[in-house]
Amino acid sequence: MAESATDGRRRRARFGVESLVVRAADGDFPTVVNGGYTVKITHGGSAPPFQYLGRTQSPPVPGAVTVIEPHEVVSCLEQDKAAADGQAIVQLMFLDADLMPVGTGRPRFHEVTYSDRGLFDGIAALHRDLAHGEDELDLESSLIRLLNVLLARHADAPGAASPALRPRALRQVREMLHSQLNSNIKLDDLAAVAGCSKRHLIRSFRQAYGVPPHHYRTLLRLARAKSMLAAGRSVAETAAELGYCDQSQLNRHFRREFGMSAGGYARTVR
């Protein structure tokens, strides 16, 4: 995690990820050394230029993604801070180095900043989900998916592909998802059952069943939720029984899959 911190800025740390928001209007761009990777995006205007790898890097702009390698110093000169657009908001993620694939060495990124709107939007969505306190299985799966996209598009990733998981291991993972539908199960738990890395599990499960484990669990929950709502159960009861942190989380999943809220669905079937 980052070795410098400032009180009052929003921070969240979960499963090897720490998120941080810095507003250009505050003029607070600290010197940082992160033991892992740093991924940052900018909204609303240009952040100031920054010092990295012994030279001045161009200011990140909205829609771009900047990647900082482990143990590298990032700083902002006082004279450069004045160049920042006061409307700019910088969102940073500090990632533990072991979240990247383990192979013959760490990934080698081609550049420092990338113009990649799809990746930018995915990272922004993950920041929002962290703020909403989404389920850990969903969050960590989304993170790994985004890291896979980042590596595939913008890095030379080390290591050879792992062999396919045996069908029995995948069935055990699927059975665990069915039997613990209302639990806040973690990706670590599923990977332990399968006997493989989290990244390998997600890839193999998707190949076998068409969706990654977290999406499969969401579909199971929503199928059960539809039955409960049709039987007259309230949205709040349904959300609580299925392990959602609140009914707004259930509603978000309903809208994502069916284009309507859970309450809206209930009104159509009663």
C-alpha atoms as a PDB file:
ATOM      1  CA  MET A   1       0.000   0.000   0.000  1.00  0.00           C
ATOM      2  CA  ALA A   2       1.032   3.607  -0.386  1.00  0.00           C
ATOM      3  CA  GLU A   3       3.480   4.890   2.198  1.00  0.00           C
ATOM      4  CA  SER A   4       2.013   8.379   2.379  1.00  0.00           C
ATOM      5  CA  ALA A   5      -1.500   9.310   3.415  1.00  0.00           C
ATOM      6  CA  THR A   6      -3.439  12.426   4.222  1.00  0.00           C
ATOM      7  CA  ASP A   7      -6.357  12.521   6.635  1.00  0.00           C
ATOM      8  CA  GLY A   8      -9.650  13.706   5.201  1.00  0.00           C
ATOM      9  CA  ARG A   9      -9.289  12.154   1.784  1.00  0.00           C
ATOM     10  CA  ARG A  10     -11.566   9.233   1.066  1.00  0.00           C
ATOM     11  CA  ARG A  11      -9.769   5.881   1.369  1.00  0.00           C
ATOM     12  CA  ARG A  12     -11.030   2.321   1.189  1.00  0.00           C
ATOM     13  CA  ALA A  13      -8.884  -0.782   1.580  1.00  0.00           C
ATOM     14  CA  ARG A  14     -10.204  -4.224   0.602  1.00  0.00           C
ATOM     15  CA  PHE A  15      -8.613  -7.464  -0.675  1.00  0.00           C
ATOM     16  CA  GLY A  16      -5.293  -5.838  -1.536  1.00  0.00           C
ATOM     17  CA  VAL A  17      -6.792  -2.663  -3.016  1.00  0.00           C
ATOM     18  CA  GLU A  18      -6.764   0.830  -1.535  1.00  0.00           C
ATOM     19  CA  SER A  19      -8.679   3.615  -3.251  1.00  0.00           C
ATOM     20  CA  LEU A  20      -8.063   7.317  -2.866  1.00  0.00           C
ATOM     21  CA  VAL A  21      -9.599  10.535  -4.230  1.00  0.00           C
ATOM     22  CA  VAL A  22      -7.562  13.745  -4.666  1.00  0.00           C
ATOM     23  CA  ARG A  23      -9.127  17.036  -5.784  1.00  0.00           C
ATOM     24  CA  ALA A  24      -6.949  19.425  -7.781  1.00  0.00           C
ATOM     25  CA  ALA A  25      -8.667  22.390  -6.142  1.00  0.00           C
ATOM     26  CA  ASP A  26      -7.126  21.326  -2.821  1.00  0.00           C
ATOM     27  CA  GLY A  27      -3.626  21.483  -4.320  1.00  0.00           C
ATOM     28  CA  ASP A  28      -2.732  18.303  -2.447  1.00  0.00           C
ATOM     29  CA  PHE A  29      -0.535  16.053  -4.612  1.00  0.00           C
ATOM     30  CA  PRO A  30       1.792  14.249  -2.176  1.00  0.00           C
ATOM     31  CA  THR A  31       4.994  12.438  -3.009  1.00  0.00           C
ATOM     32  CA  VAL A  32       4.139   8.726  -2.979  1.00  0.00           C
ATOM     33  CA  VAL A  33       5.999   5.422  -3.045  1.00  0.00           C
ATOM     34  CA  ASN A  34       3.755   2.398  -3.436  1.00  0.00           C
ATOM     35  CA  GLY A  35       4.945  -1.150  -2.796  1.00  0.00           C
ATOM     36  CA  GLY A  36       2.548  -2.359  -5.489  1.00  0.00           C
ATOM     37  CA  TYR A  37       1.017  -0.863  -8.606  1.00  0.00           C
ATOM     38  CA  THR A  38      -0.845   2.443  -8.776  1.00  0.00           C
ATOM     39  CA  VAL A  39      -3.598   2.985 -11.338  1.00  0.00           C
ATOM     40  CA  LYS A  40      -5.078   6.459 -11.633  1.00  0.00           C
ATOM     41  CA  ILE A  41      -7.761   8.180 -13.683  1.00  0.00           C
ATOM     42  CA  THR A  42      -8.785  11.840 -13.891  1.00  0.00           C
ATOM     43  CA  HIS A  43     -12.261  13.381 -14.168  1.00  0.00           C
ATOM     44  CA  GLY A  44     -13.388  16.909 -14.999  1.00  0.00           C
ATOM     45  CA  GLY A  45     -10.130  18.512 -16.110  1.00  0.00           C
ATOM     46  CA  SER A  46      -6.368  18.076 -16.313  1.00  0.00           C
ATOM     47  CA  ALA A  47      -4.239  17.113 -13.324  1.00  0.00           C
ATOM     48  CA  PRO A  48      -0.748  18.653 -13.089  1.00  0.00           C
ATOM     49  CA  PRO A  49       2.325  17.108 -14.753  1.00  0.00           C
ATOM     50  CA  PHE A  50       4.175  14.719 -12.454  1.00  0.00           C
ATOM     51  CA  GLN A  51       7.713  13.466 -11.916  1.00  0.00           C
ATOM     52  CA  TYR A  52       8.185   9.745 -12.560  1.00  0.00           C
ATOM     53  CA  LEU A  53      11.072   7.578 -13.844  1.00  0.00           C
ATOM     54  CA  GLY A  54      13.402  10.570 -13.759  1.00  0.00           C
ATOM     55  CA  ARG A  55      11.423  12.831 -16.069  1.00  0.00           C
ATOM     56  CA  THR A  56       8.336  15.008 -16.245  1.00  0.00           C
ATOM     57  CA  GLN A  57       5.272  13.094 -17.424  1.00  0.00           C
ATOM     58  CA  SER A  58       2.457  14.802 -19.312  1.00  0.00           C
ATOM     59  CA  PRO A  59      -0.626  15.617 -17.219  1.00  0.00           C
ATOM     60  CA  PRO A  60      -3.284  12.883 -17.255  1.00  0.00           C
ATOM     61  CA  VAL A  61      -6.505  13.935 -18.973  1.00  0.00           C
ATOM     62  CA  PRO A  62     -10.074  12.612 -18.624  1.00  0.00           C
ATOM     63  CA  GLY A  63     -10.462   9.261 -20.354  1.00  0.00           C
ATOM     64  CA  ALA A  64      -6.827   8.237 -19.855  1.00  0.00           C
ATOM     65  CA  VAL A  65      -5.413   5.581 -17.515  1.00  0.00           C
ATOM     66  CA  THR A  66      -2.004   5.994 -15.842  1.00  0.00           C
ATOM     67  CA  VAL A  67      -0.065   3.031 -14.414  1.00  0.00           C
ATOM     68  CA  ILE A  68       2.778   3.457 -11.905  1.00  0.00           C
ATOM     69  CA  GLU A  69       5.136   0.528 -11.300  1.00  0.00           C
ATOM     70  CA  PRO A  70       5.988  -0.788  -7.804  1.00  0.00           C
ATOM     71  CA  HIS A  71       8.547   1.032  -5.628  1.00  0.00           C
ATOM     72  CA  GLU A  72       8.795   4.024  -7.969  1.00  0.00           C
ATOM     73  CA  VAL A  73       8.605   7.564  -6.585  1.00  0.00           C
ATOM     74  CA  VAL A  74       5.853   9.829  -7.931  1.00  0.00           C
ATOM     75  CA  SER A  75       5.909  13.523  -7.093  1.00  0.00           C
ATOM     76  CA  CYS A  76       4.545  16.843  -8.289  1.00  0.00           C
ATOM     77  CA  LEU A  77       6.722  19.963  -8.385  1.00  0.00           C
ATOM     78  CA  GLU A  78       5.304  23.075  -6.755  1.00  0.00           C
ATOM     79  CA  GLN A  79       5.492  25.049  -9.999  1.00  0.00           C
ATOM     80  CA  ASP A  80       3.551  22.293 -11.801  1.00  0.00           C
ATOM     81  CA  LYS A  81       0.648  22.277  -9.349  1.00  0.00           C
ATOM     82  CA  ALA A  82      -0.504  25.648 -10.689  1.00  0.00           C
ATOM     83  CA  ALA A  83      -1.007  24.027 -14.111  1.00  0.00           C
ATOM     84  CA  ALA A  84      -3.789  21.805 -12.797  1.00  0.00           C
ATOM     85  CA  ASP A  85      -7.369  22.489 -13.767  1.00  0.00           C
ATOM     86  CA  GLY A  86      -9.180  23.274 -10.519  1.00  0.00           C
ATOM     87  CA  GLN A  87     -12.071  21.055 -11.619  1.00  0.00           C
ATOM     88  CA  ALA A  88      -9.934  17.924 -11.890  1.00  0.00           C
ATOM     89  CA  ILE A  89     -10.617  14.977  -9.589  1.00  0.00           C
ATOM     90  CA  VAL A  90      -8.015  12.210  -9.533  1.00  0.00           C
ATOM     91  CA  GLN A  91      -9.021   8.689  -8.461  1.00  0.00           C
ATOM     92  CA  LEU A  92      -6.209   6.333  -7.530  1.00  0.00           C
ATOM     93  CA  MET A  93      -6.055   2.631  -6.798  1.00  0.00           C
ATOM     94  CA  PHE A  94      -3.069   1.200  -4.960  1.00  0.00           C
ATOM     95  CA  LEU A  95      -2.825  -2.511  -5.817  1.00  0.00           C
ATOM     96  CA  ASP A  96      -0.792  -5.139  -3.983  1.00  0.00           C
ATOM     97  CA  ALA A  97       1.842  -6.494  -6.375  1.00  0.00           C
ATOM     98  CA  ASP A  98       0.631 -10.083  -5.922  1.00  0.00           C
ATOM     99  CA  LEU A  99      -2.683  -9.205  -7.588  1.00  0.00           C
ATOM    100  CA  MET A 100      -0.809  -9.378 -10.899  1.00  0.00           C
ATOM    101  CA  PRO A 101      -0.133 -12.787 -12.523  1.00  0.00           C
ATOM    102  CA  VAL A 102       2.711 -14.839 -11.089  1.00  0.00           C
ATOM    103  CA  GLY A 103       5.108 -16.005 -13.784  1.00  0.00           C
ATOM    104  CA  THR A 104       8.650 -15.425 -14.927  1.00  0.00           C
ATOM    105  CA  GLY A 105       8.609 -11.815 -13.761  1.00  0.00           C
ATOM    106  CA  ARG A 106       6.345  -8.851 -13.259  1.00  0.00           C
ATOM    107  CA  PRO A 107       4.419  -7.395 -16.229  1.00  0.00           C
ATOM    108  CA  ARG A 108       6.259  -4.878 -18.396  1.00  0.00           C
ATOM    109  CA  PHE A 109       4.007  -1.967 -19.319  1.00  0.00           C
ATOM    110  CA  HIS A 110       4.519  -0.320 -22.698  1.00  0.00           C
ATOM    111  CA  GLU A 111       3.851   3.274 -21.608  1.00  0.00           C
ATOM    112  CA  VAL A 112       2.910   5.303 -18.515  1.00  0.00           C
ATOM    113  CA  THR A 113      -0.447   6.710 -19.654  1.00  0.00           C
ATOM    114  CA  TYR A 114      -2.943   5.100 -22.023  1.00  0.00           C
ATOM    115  CA  SER A 115      -5.901   6.553 -23.900  1.00  0.00           C
ATOM    116  CA  ASP A 116      -8.370   3.712 -23.295  1.00  0.00           C
ATOM    117  CA  ARG A 117     -11.934   4.827 -22.665  1.00  0.00           C
ATOM    118  CA  GLY A 118     -13.301   1.343 -22.053  1.00  0.00           C
ATOM    119  CA  LEU A 119     -10.696   0.606 -19.392  1.00  0.00           C
ATOM    120  CA  PHE A 120     -11.190   4.085 -17.902  1.00  0.00           C
ATOM    121  CA  ASP A 121     -14.953   3.519 -17.593  1.00  0.00           C
ATOM    122  CA  GLY A 122     -14.410   0.111 -15.993  1.00  0.00           C
ATOM    123  CA  ILE A 123     -12.037   1.550 -13.387  1.00  0.00           C
ATOM    124  CA  ALA A 124     -14.456   4.404 -12.647  1.00  0.00           C
ATOM    125  CA  ALA A 125     -17.261   1.852 -12.160  1.00  0.00           C
ATOM    126  CA  LEU A 126     -15.087  -0.160  -9.767  1.00  0.00           C
ATOM    127  CA  HIS A 127     -14.454   2.987  -7.707  1.00  0.00           C
ATOM    128  CA  ARG A 128     -18.232   3.512  -7.499  1.00  0.00           C
ATOM    129  CA  ASP A 129     -18.815  -0.092  -6.463  1.00  0.00           C
ATOM    130  CA  LEU A 130     -16.176   0.218  -3.744  1.00  0.00           C
ATOM    131  CA  ALA A 131     -17.982   3.312  -2.484  1.00  0.00           C
ATOM    132  CA  HIS A 132     -21.314   1.462  -2.438  1.00  0.00           C
ATOM    133  CA  GLY A 133     -19.860  -1.441  -0.461  1.00  0.00           C
ATOM    134  CA  GLU A 134     -20.695  -4.057  -3.084  1.00  0.00           C
ATOM    135  CA  ASP A 135     -20.204  -7.756  -2.342  1.00  0.00           C
ATOM    136  CA  GLU A 136     -16.548  -8.760  -2.117  1.00  0.00           C
ATOM    137  CA  LEU A 137     -16.844 -11.606  -4.633  1.00  0.00           C
ATOM    138  CA  ASP A 138     -18.286  -9.186  -7.203  1.00  0.00           C
ATOM    139  CA  LEU A 139     -15.681  -6.513  -6.472  1.00  0.00           C
ATOM    140  CA  GLU A 140     -12.633  -8.739  -6.597  1.00  0.00           C
ATOM    141  CA  SER A 141     -13.864 -10.478  -9.747  1.00  0.00           C
ATOM    142  CA  SER A 142     -14.386  -7.098 -11.426  1.00  0.00           C
ATOM    143  CA  LEU A 143     -10.886  -6.048 -10.389  1.00  0.00           C
ATOM    144  CA  ILE A 144      -9.274  -9.163 -11.853  1.00  0.00           C
ATOM    145  CA  ARG A 145     -11.242  -8.713 -15.087  1.00  0.00           C
ATOM    146  CA  LEU A 146      -9.998  -5.116 -15.374  1.00  0.00           C
ATOM    147  CA  LEU A 147      -6.409  -6.155 -14.659  1.00  0.00           C
ATOM    148  CA  ASN A 148      -6.661  -8.800 -17.369  1.00  0.00           C
ATOM    149  CA  VAL A 149      -7.838  -6.134 -19.826  1.00  0.00           C
ATOM    150  CA  LEU A 150      -5.029  -3.792 -18.752  1.00  0.00           C
ATOM    151  CA  LEU A 151      -2.378  -6.480 -19.193  1.00  0.00           C
ATOM    152  CA  ALA A 152      -3.747  -7.776 -22.497  1.00  0.00           C
ATOM    153  CA  ARG A 153      -3.856  -4.319 -24.071  1.00  0.00           C
ATOM    154  CA  HIS A 154      -0.926  -2.494 -22.550  1.00  0.00           C
ATOM    155  CA  ALA A 155       1.699  -4.881 -21.139  1.00  0.00           C
ATOM    156  CA  ASP A 156       3.829  -7.903 -21.845  1.00  0.00           C
ATOM    157  CA  ALA A 157       2.558 -10.277 -19.170  1.00  0.00           C
ATOM    158  CA  PRO A 158       4.900 -13.074 -17.986  1.00  0.00           C
ATOM    159  CA  GLY A 159       4.202 -16.728 -17.509  1.00  0.00           C
ATOM    160  CA  ALA A 160       2.629 -19.530 -19.509  1.00  0.00           C
ATOM    161  CA  ALA A 161      -1.058 -20.431 -19.469  1.00  0.00           C
ATOM    162  CA  SER A 162      -2.113 -22.826 -16.702  1.00  0.00           C
ATOM    163  CA  PRO A 163      -3.645 -26.198 -17.624  1.00  0.00           C
ATOM    164  CA  ALA A 164      -7.432 -26.417 -17.677  1.00  0.00           C
ATOM    165  CA  LEU A 165      -9.165 -27.240 -14.420  1.00  0.00           C
ATOM    166  CA  ARG A 166     -10.657 -30.692 -14.074  1.00  0.00           C
ATOM    167  CA  PRO A 167     -14.463 -30.847 -14.374  1.00  0.00           C
ATOM    168  CA  ARG A 168     -14.720 -32.173 -10.811  1.00  0.00           C
ATOM    169  CA  ALA A 169     -13.002 -29.062  -9.410  1.00  0.00           C
ATOM    170  CA  LEU A 170     -15.372 -26.804 -11.328  1.00  0.00           C
ATOM    171  CA  ARG A 171     -18.392 -28.791 -10.128  1.00  0.00           C
ATOM    172  CA  GLN A 172     -17.211 -28.376  -6.540  1.00  0.00           C
ATOM    173  CA  VAL A 173     -16.999 -24.615  -7.011  1.00  0.00           C
ATOM    174  CA  ARG A 174     -20.475 -24.533  -8.534  1.00  0.00           C
ATOM    175  CA  GLU A 175     -21.878 -26.646  -5.691  1.00  0.00           C
ATOM    176  CA  MET A 176     -20.331 -24.257  -3.169  1.00  0.00           C
ATOM    177  CA  LEU A 177     -22.038 -21.307  -4.874  1.00  0.00           C
ATOM    178  CA  HIS A 178     -25.384 -23.119  -4.719  1.00  0.00           C
ATOM    179  CA  SER A 179     -25.020 -24.210  -1.098  1.00  0.00           C
ATOM    180  CA  GLN A 180     -23.827 -20.832   0.214  1.00  0.00           C
ATOM    181  CA  LEU A 181     -26.109 -18.567  -1.779  1.00  0.00           C
ATOM    182  CA  ASN A 182     -26.713 -16.175   1.120  1.00  0.00           C
ATOM    183  CA  SER A 183     -23.088 -16.051   2.306  1.00  0.00           C
ATOM    184  CA  ASN A 184     -20.558 -13.338   1.557  1.00  0.00           C
ATOM    185  CA  ILE A 185     -18.315 -15.914  -0.042  1.00  0.00           C
ATOM    186  CA  LYS A 186     -14.887 -14.750  -1.218  1.00  0.00           C
ATOM    187  CA  LEU A 187     -12.940 -15.541  -4.341  1.00  0.00           C
ATOM    188  CA  ASP A 188     -10.185 -16.937  -2.106  1.00  0.00           C
ATOM    189  CA  ASP A 189     -12.672 -19.531  -0.782  1.00  0.00           C
ATOM    190  CA  LEU A 190     -13.638 -20.661  -4.269  1.00  0.00           C
ATOM    191  CA  ALA A 191     -10.026 -20.794  -5.453  1.00  0.00           C
ATOM    192  CA  ALA A 192      -9.107 -22.930  -2.428  1.00  0.00           C
ATOM    193  CA  VAL A 193     -11.835 -25.433  -3.327  1.00  0.00           C
ATOM    194  CA  ALA A 194     -10.645 -25.541  -6.945  1.00  0.00           C
ATOM    195  CA  GLY A 195      -6.973 -25.717  -5.963  1.00  0.00           C
ATOM    196  CA  CYS A 196      -5.836 -22.968  -8.311  1.00  0.00           C
ATOM    197  CA  SER A 197      -5.246 -19.222  -8.535  1.00  0.00           C
ATOM    198  CA  LYS A 198      -8.175 -16.814  -8.527  1.00  0.00           C
ATOM    199  CA  ARG A 199      -7.376 -15.631 -12.046  1.00  0.00           C
ATOM    200  CA  HIS A 200      -7.218 -19.212 -13.353  1.00  0.00           C
ATOM    201  CA  LEU A 201     -10.503 -20.079 -11.638  1.00  0.00           C
ATOM    202  CA  ILE A 202     -12.351 -17.158 -13.228  1.00  0.00           C
ATOM    203  CA  ARG A 203     -11.057 -18.054 -16.690  1.00  0.00           C
ATOM    204  CA  SER A 204     -11.821 -21.789 -16.361  1.00  0.00           C
ATOM    205  CA  PHE A 205     -15.263 -21.267 -14.821  1.00  0.00           C
ATOM    206  CA  ARG A 206     -16.234 -18.876 -17.616  1.00  0.00           C
ATOM    207  CA  GLN A 207     -15.072 -21.366 -20.233  1.00  0.00           C
ATOM    208  CA  ALA A 208     -17.118 -24.140 -18.624  1.00  0.00           C
ATOM    209  CA  TYR A 209     -20.329 -22.281 -17.727  1.00  0.00           C
ATOM    210  CA  GLY A 210     -20.365 -19.136 -19.844  1.00  0.00           C
ATOM    211  CA  VAL A 211     -20.042 -16.626 -16.994  1.00  0.00           C
ATOM    212  CA  PRO A 212     -17.492 -16.046 -14.188  1.00  0.00           C
ATOM    213  CA  PRO A 213     -18.290 -17.302 -10.657  1.00  0.00           C
ATOM    214  CA  HIS A 214     -19.544 -13.975  -9.283  1.00  0.00           C
ATOM    215  CA  HIS A 215     -21.995 -13.541 -12.174  1.00  0.00           C
ATOM    216  CA  TYR A 216     -23.167 -17.146 -11.814  1.00  0.00           C
ATOM    217  CA  ARG A 217     -23.868 -16.532  -8.118  1.00  0.00           C
ATOM    218  CA  THR A 218     -25.739 -13.307  -8.996  1.00  0.00           C
ATOM    219  CA  LEU A 219     -27.931 -15.187 -11.485  1.00  0.00           C
ATOM    220  CA  LEU A 220     -28.699 -17.842  -8.859  1.00  0.00           C
ATOM    221  CA  ARG A 221     -29.641 -15.166  -6.336  1.00  0.00           C
ATOM    222  CA  LEU A 222     -31.847 -13.326  -8.804  1.00  0.00           C
ATOM    223  CA  ALA A 223     -33.667 -16.507  -9.825  1.00  0.00           C
ATOM    224  CA  ARG A 224     -34.407 -17.171  -6.163  1.00  0.00           C
ATOM    225  CA  ALA A 225     -35.358 -13.519  -5.610  1.00  0.00           C
ATOM    226  CA  LYS A 226     -37.909 -13.652  -8.433  1.00  0.00           C
ATOM    227  CA  SER A 227     -39.572 -16.676  -6.823  1.00  0.00           C
ATOM    228  CA  MET A 228     -39.645 -15.009  -3.415  1.00  0.00           C
ATOM    229  CA  LEU A 229     -41.072 -11.743  -4.752  1.00  0.00           C
ATOM    230  CA  ALA A 230     -43.719 -13.590  -6.761  1.00  0.00           C
ATOM    231  CA  ALA A 231     -44.715 -15.404  -3.559  1.00  0.00           C
ATOM    232  CA  GLY A 232     -45.375 -12.072  -1.837  1.00  0.00           C
ATOM    233  CA  ARG A 233     -42.127 -11.542   0.057  1.00  0.00           C
ATOM    234  CA  SER A 234     -40.990  -7.927   0.414  1.00  0.00           C
ATOM    235  CA  VAL A 235     -37.907  -6.564  -1.328  1.00  0.00           C
ATOM    236  CA  ALA A 236     -36.224  -5.952   2.038  1.00  0.00           C
ATOM    237  CA  GLU A 237     -36.903  -9.522   3.232  1.00  0.00           C
ATOM    238  CA  THR A 238     -35.696 -10.978  -0.048  1.00  0.00           C
ATOM    239  CA  ALA A 239     -32.489  -8.958  -0.021  1.00  0.00           C
ATOM    240  CA  ALA A 240     -31.686  -9.912   3.572  1.00  0.00           C
ATOM    241  CA  GLU A 241     -32.390 -13.617   3.081  1.00  0.00           C
ATOM    242  CA  LEU A 242     -30.222 -13.809  -0.029  1.00  0.00           C
ATOM    243  CA  GLY A 243     -27.219 -12.131   1.595  1.00  0.00           C
ATOM    244  CA  TYR A 244     -27.426  -8.671   0.028  1.00  0.00           C
ATOM    245  CA  CYS A 245     -26.183  -5.860   2.244  1.00  0.00           C
ATOM    246  CA  ASP A 246     -29.405  -3.904   1.590  1.00  0.00           C
ATOM    247  CA  GLN A 247     -32.296  -3.738  -0.853  1.00  0.00           C
ATOM    248  CA  SER A 248     -30.590  -1.082  -2.981  1.00  0.00           C
ATOM    249  CA  GLN A 249     -27.907  -3.622  -3.866  1.00  0.00           C
ATOM    250  CA  LEU A 250     -30.593  -6.112  -4.914  1.00  0.00           C
ATOM    251  CA  ASN A 251     -32.247  -3.384  -6.982  1.00  0.00           C
ATOM    252  CA  ARG A 252     -28.965  -2.588  -8.743  1.00  0.00           C
ATOM    253  CA  HIS A 253     -28.550  -6.229  -9.734  1.00  0.00           C
ATOM    254  CA  PHE A 254     -32.183  -6.442 -10.883  1.00  0.00           C
ATOM    255  CA  ARG A 255     -31.803  -3.373 -13.070  1.00  0.00           C
ATOM    256  CA  ARG A 256     -28.546  -4.630 -14.514  1.00  0.00           C
ATOM    257  CA  GLU A 257     -30.020  -7.997 -15.519  1.00  0.00           C
ATOM    258  CA  PHE A 258     -33.717  -7.246 -16.132  1.00  0.00           C
ATOM    259  CA  GLY A 259     -33.965  -3.501 -16.719  1.00  0.00           C
ATOM    260  CA  MET A 260     -36.254  -2.919 -13.732  1.00  0.00           C
ATOM    261  CA  SER A 261     -36.042  -2.723  -9.946  1.00  0.00           C
ATOM    262  CA  ALA A 262     -36.960  -5.630  -7.691  1.00  0.00           C
ATOM    263  CA  GLY A 263     -40.039  -3.718  -6.556  1.00  0.00           C
ATOM    264  CA  GLY A 264     -41.028  -3.091 -10.165  1.00  0.00           C
ATOM    265  CA  TYR A 265     -40.714  -6.796 -10.901  1.00  0.00           C
ATOM    266  CA  ALA A 266     -42.823  -7.663  -7.850  1.00  0.00           C
ATOM    267  CA  ARG A 267     -45.639  -5.424  -9.089  1.00  0.00           C
ATOM    268  CA  THR A 268     -45.733  -7.226 -12.436  1.00  0.00           C
ATOM    269  CA  VAL A 269     -46.140 -10.713 -10.941  1.00  0.00           C
ATOM    270  CA  ARG A 270     -48.605 -10.125  -8.100  1.00  0.00           C
END
